[in-house]
Amino acid sequence: MNFDEEMDASGLLCPLPVLKLRKRVKALETGSVIKIYCDDPAAELDIPHFCLENHHTILKKSKESGKSGITFYIQKA
C-alpha cells in the first residue's frame, strides 16, 4: 500500500503512540496516508479511537509476520 509518511512507534507506551501520531498527522495535507507501526498492545484500541474522534480513515490494519506489533495505514480527513 502506498503512503506519504511513515512512523515507527515501537517501544513507546500509551499514550505516546497516539500523541506522536496526532502531531505527525496534523502536519499532513488532507487525504495523505501515514503508516504507523506500534508494539504497545493498547495502541490496537487507542489508534482506532483517535481516528474515529478525528474522522480519519484506517485504510488497513495488519500484524506483520515475525513482529509482535501492528501496522496501521491511516488517511487524514
N, C-alpha and C. Protein backbone atom coordinates (compact mmCIF):
# COMPACT_ATOMS: atom_id res chain seq x y z
N MET A 1 0.84 -1.18 0.00
CA MET A 1 0.00 0.00 0.00
C MET A 1 0.89 1.25 0.00
N ASN A 2 0.50 2.23 -0.75
CA ASN A 2 1.26 3.48 -0.82
C ASN A 2 0.96 4.36 0.39
N PHE A 3 1.98 5.10 0.81
CA PHE A 3 1.80 6.02 1.93
C PHE A 3 2.71 7.22 1.72
N ASP A 4 2.37 8.32 2.37
CA ASP A 4 3.11 9.57 2.25
C ASP A 4 4.11 9.78 3.38
N GLU A 5 3.82 9.19 4.53
CA GLU A 5 4.64 9.38 5.72
C GLU A 5 4.70 8.05 6.46
N GLU A 6 5.83 7.79 7.11
CA GLU A 6 5.99 6.56 7.87
C GLU A 6 6.44 6.91 9.28
N MET A 7 5.91 6.16 10.24
CA MET A 7 6.22 6.42 11.64
C MET A 7 6.42 5.11 12.37
N ASP A 8 7.49 5.02 13.13
CA ASP A 8 7.76 3.84 13.94
C ASP A 8 7.59 4.21 15.41
N ALA A 9 6.54 3.67 16.02
CA ALA A 9 6.26 3.96 17.42
C ALA A 9 6.61 2.76 18.31
N SER A 10 7.47 1.89 17.82
CA SER A 10 7.84 0.73 18.62
C SER A 10 8.60 1.18 19.86
N GLY A 11 8.32 0.50 20.96
CA GLY A 11 8.96 0.84 22.23
C GLY A 11 8.26 1.93 23.01
N LEU A 12 7.28 2.57 22.40
CA LEU A 12 6.53 3.63 23.09
C LEU A 12 5.28 3.06 23.73
N LEU A 13 4.99 3.49 24.94
CA LEU A 13 3.80 3.02 25.63
C LEU A 13 2.74 4.11 25.66
N CYS A 14 1.50 3.69 25.83
CA CYS A 14 0.35 4.57 25.90
C CYS A 14 0.62 5.70 26.90
N PRO A 15 0.34 6.91 26.54
CA PRO A 15 -0.36 7.42 25.37
C PRO A 15 0.57 7.93 24.27
N LEU A 16 1.86 7.69 24.38
CA LEU A 16 2.82 8.28 23.43
C LEU A 16 2.58 7.95 21.96
N PRO A 17 2.23 6.71 21.57
CA PRO A 17 2.00 6.47 20.14
C PRO A 17 0.91 7.38 19.56
N VAL A 18 -0.18 7.56 20.29
CA VAL A 18 -1.27 8.41 19.79
C VAL A 18 -0.87 9.88 19.81
N LEU A 19 -0.18 10.31 20.83
CA LEU A 19 0.24 11.71 20.89
C LEU A 19 1.19 12.06 19.75
N LYS A 20 2.13 11.17 19.48
CA LYS A 20 3.07 11.41 18.38
C LYS A 20 2.37 11.31 17.03
N LEU A 21 1.42 10.38 16.91
CA LEU A 21 0.64 10.26 15.68
C LEU A 21 -0.16 11.54 15.43
N ARG A 22 -0.80 12.05 16.46
CA ARG A 22 -1.59 13.28 16.33
C ARG A 22 -0.73 14.43 15.79
N LYS A 23 0.48 14.56 16.32
CA LYS A 23 1.37 15.63 15.88
C LYS A 23 1.77 15.44 14.42
N ARG A 24 2.10 14.21 14.02
CA ARG A 24 2.51 13.95 12.65
C ARG A 24 1.36 14.14 11.66
N VAL A 25 0.16 13.68 12.03
CA VAL A 25 -1.00 13.81 11.15
C VAL A 25 -1.36 15.28 10.94
N LYS A 26 -1.23 16.06 11.99
CA LYS A 26 -1.56 17.48 11.91
C LYS A 26 -0.76 18.19 10.81
N ALA A 27 0.47 17.76 10.60
CA ALA A 27 1.34 18.39 9.61
C ALA A 27 1.06 17.92 8.18
N LEU A 28 0.26 16.87 8.03
CA LEU A 28 -0.02 16.32 6.70
C LEU A 28 -1.18 17.05 6.03
N GLU A 29 -1.22 16.96 4.71
CA GLU A 29 -2.34 17.51 3.95
C GLU A 29 -3.51 16.53 3.99
N THR A 30 -4.71 17.05 3.84
CA THR A 30 -5.91 16.22 3.78
C THR A 30 -5.75 15.17 2.67
N GLY A 31 -6.10 13.93 3.00
CA GLY A 31 -6.01 12.84 2.02
C GLY A 31 -4.69 12.09 2.06
N SER A 32 -3.70 12.63 2.76
CA SER A 32 -2.41 11.96 2.88
C SER A 32 -2.56 10.70 3.73
N VAL A 33 -1.67 9.74 3.47
CA VAL A 33 -1.70 8.47 4.19
C VAL A 33 -0.42 8.34 5.01
N ILE A 34 -0.60 7.97 6.28
CA ILE A 34 0.54 7.73 7.16
C ILE A 34 0.52 6.26 7.58
N LYS A 35 1.69 5.66 7.56
CA LYS A 35 1.86 4.28 8.01
C LYS A 35 2.51 4.36 9.39
N ILE A 36 1.90 3.68 10.37
CA ILE A 36 2.46 3.68 11.72
C ILE A 36 2.55 2.25 12.23
N TYR A 37 3.71 1.92 12.78
CA TYR A 37 3.93 0.62 13.41
C TYR A 37 4.01 0.83 14.91
N CYS A 38 3.25 0.04 15.68
CA CYS A 38 3.23 0.14 17.14
C CYS A 38 3.34 -1.26 17.73
N ASP A 39 4.07 -1.38 18.83
CA ASP A 39 4.11 -2.66 19.52
C ASP A 39 3.49 -2.59 20.92
N ASP A 40 2.88 -1.47 21.24
CA ASP A 40 2.15 -1.34 22.50
C ASP A 40 0.76 -1.95 22.30
N PRO A 41 0.38 -2.96 23.09
CA PRO A 41 -0.93 -3.59 22.91
C PRO A 41 -2.10 -2.60 23.00
N ALA A 42 -1.97 -1.56 23.78
CA ALA A 42 -3.05 -0.57 23.92
C ALA A 42 -3.29 0.20 22.62
N ALA A 43 -2.30 0.27 21.76
CA ALA A 43 -2.44 1.02 20.50
C ALA A 43 -3.51 0.41 19.60
N GLU A 44 -3.75 -0.89 19.75
CA GLU A 44 -4.76 -1.55 18.92
C GLU A 44 -6.16 -0.97 19.20
N LEU A 45 -6.37 -0.43 20.38
CA LEU A 45 -7.63 0.24 20.72
C LEU A 45 -7.52 1.75 20.61
N ASP A 46 -6.38 2.29 21.04
CA ASP A 46 -6.21 3.75 21.09
C ASP A 46 -6.18 4.40 19.72
N ILE A 47 -5.49 3.80 18.77
CA ILE A 47 -5.37 4.42 17.45
C ILE A 47 -6.72 4.44 16.71
N PRO A 48 -7.48 3.33 16.68
CA PRO A 48 -8.81 3.43 16.06
C PRO A 48 -9.71 4.46 16.75
N HIS A 49 -9.61 4.57 18.07
CA HIS A 49 -10.41 5.57 18.79
C HIS A 49 -10.00 6.99 18.38
N PHE A 50 -8.70 7.23 18.29
CA PHE A 50 -8.20 8.53 17.83
C PHE A 50 -8.72 8.85 16.43
N CYS A 51 -8.66 7.86 15.54
CA CYS A 51 -9.13 8.07 14.16
C CYS A 51 -10.62 8.36 14.11
N LEU A 52 -11.39 7.63 14.89
CA LEU A 52 -12.84 7.84 14.93
C LEU A 52 -13.17 9.25 15.41
N GLU A 53 -12.52 9.68 16.47
CA GLU A 53 -12.77 11.02 17.03
C GLU A 53 -12.41 12.14 16.06
N ASN A 54 -11.40 11.90 15.22
CA ASN A 54 -10.90 12.94 14.33
C ASN A 54 -11.28 12.72 12.87
N HIS A 55 -12.14 11.74 12.61
CA HIS A 55 -12.69 11.45 11.29
C HIS A 55 -11.64 10.98 10.28
N HIS A 56 -10.51 10.47 10.76
CA HIS A 56 -9.51 9.89 9.87
C HIS A 56 -9.96 8.47 9.53
N THR A 57 -9.46 7.94 8.42
CA THR A 57 -9.87 6.62 7.97
C THR A 57 -8.72 5.63 8.10
N ILE A 58 -8.98 4.51 8.74
CA ILE A 58 -7.99 3.43 8.77
C ILE A 58 -8.19 2.62 7.50
N LEU A 59 -7.21 2.71 6.61
CA LEU A 59 -7.30 2.01 5.34
C LEU A 59 -6.94 0.54 5.46
N LYS A 60 -6.01 0.26 6.37
CA LYS A 60 -5.55 -1.11 6.56
C LYS A 60 -4.95 -1.24 7.94
N LYS A 61 -5.17 -2.41 8.54
CA LYS A 61 -4.59 -2.74 9.84
C LYS A 61 -4.07 -4.16 9.71
N SER A 62 -2.79 -4.36 10.04
CA SER A 62 -2.24 -5.70 9.86
C SER A 62 -1.16 -6.00 10.89
N LYS A 63 -1.04 -7.27 11.17
CA LYS A 63 0.06 -7.76 12.01
C LYS A 63 1.15 -8.23 11.05
N GLU A 64 2.36 -7.80 11.30
CA GLU A 64 3.46 -8.18 10.43
C GLU A 64 4.08 -9.47 10.94
N SER A 65 4.35 -10.39 10.03
CA SER A 65 4.91 -11.67 10.43
C SER A 65 6.28 -11.48 11.09
N GLY A 66 6.48 -12.20 12.18
CA GLY A 66 7.74 -12.12 12.90
C GLY A 66 7.83 -10.94 13.85
N LYS A 67 6.79 -10.10 13.89
CA LYS A 67 6.79 -8.94 14.78
C LYS A 67 5.58 -9.04 15.71
N SER A 68 5.71 -8.47 16.89
CA SER A 68 4.63 -8.56 17.86
C SER A 68 3.65 -7.39 17.75
N GLY A 69 3.98 -6.40 16.96
CA GLY A 69 3.15 -5.20 16.88
C GLY A 69 2.14 -5.23 15.75
N ILE A 70 1.60 -4.07 15.49
CA ILE A 70 0.57 -3.90 14.48
C ILE A 70 0.88 -2.66 13.64
N THR A 71 0.52 -2.73 12.37
CA THR A 71 0.73 -1.61 11.46
C THR A 71 -0.62 -1.07 11.01
N PHE A 72 -0.77 0.24 11.06
CA PHE A 72 -1.96 0.92 10.59
C PHE A 72 -1.59 1.81 9.41
N TYR A 73 -2.47 1.87 8.42
CA TYR A 73 -2.38 2.85 7.33
C TYR A 73 -3.59 3.76 7.52
N ILE A 74 -3.31 5.03 7.78
CA ILE A 74 -4.36 5.98 8.13
C ILE A 74 -4.39 7.12 7.14
N GLN A 75 -5.59 7.43 6.64
CA GLN A 75 -5.75 8.56 5.73
C GLN A 75 -6.33 9.74 6.50
N LYS A 76 -5.66 10.88 6.37
CA LYS A 76 -6.09 12.08 7.09
C LYS A 76 -7.38 12.61 6.50
N ALA A 77 -8.29 12.98 7.40
CA ALA A 77 -9.57 13.56 6.99
C ALA A 77 -9.39 14.98 6.50
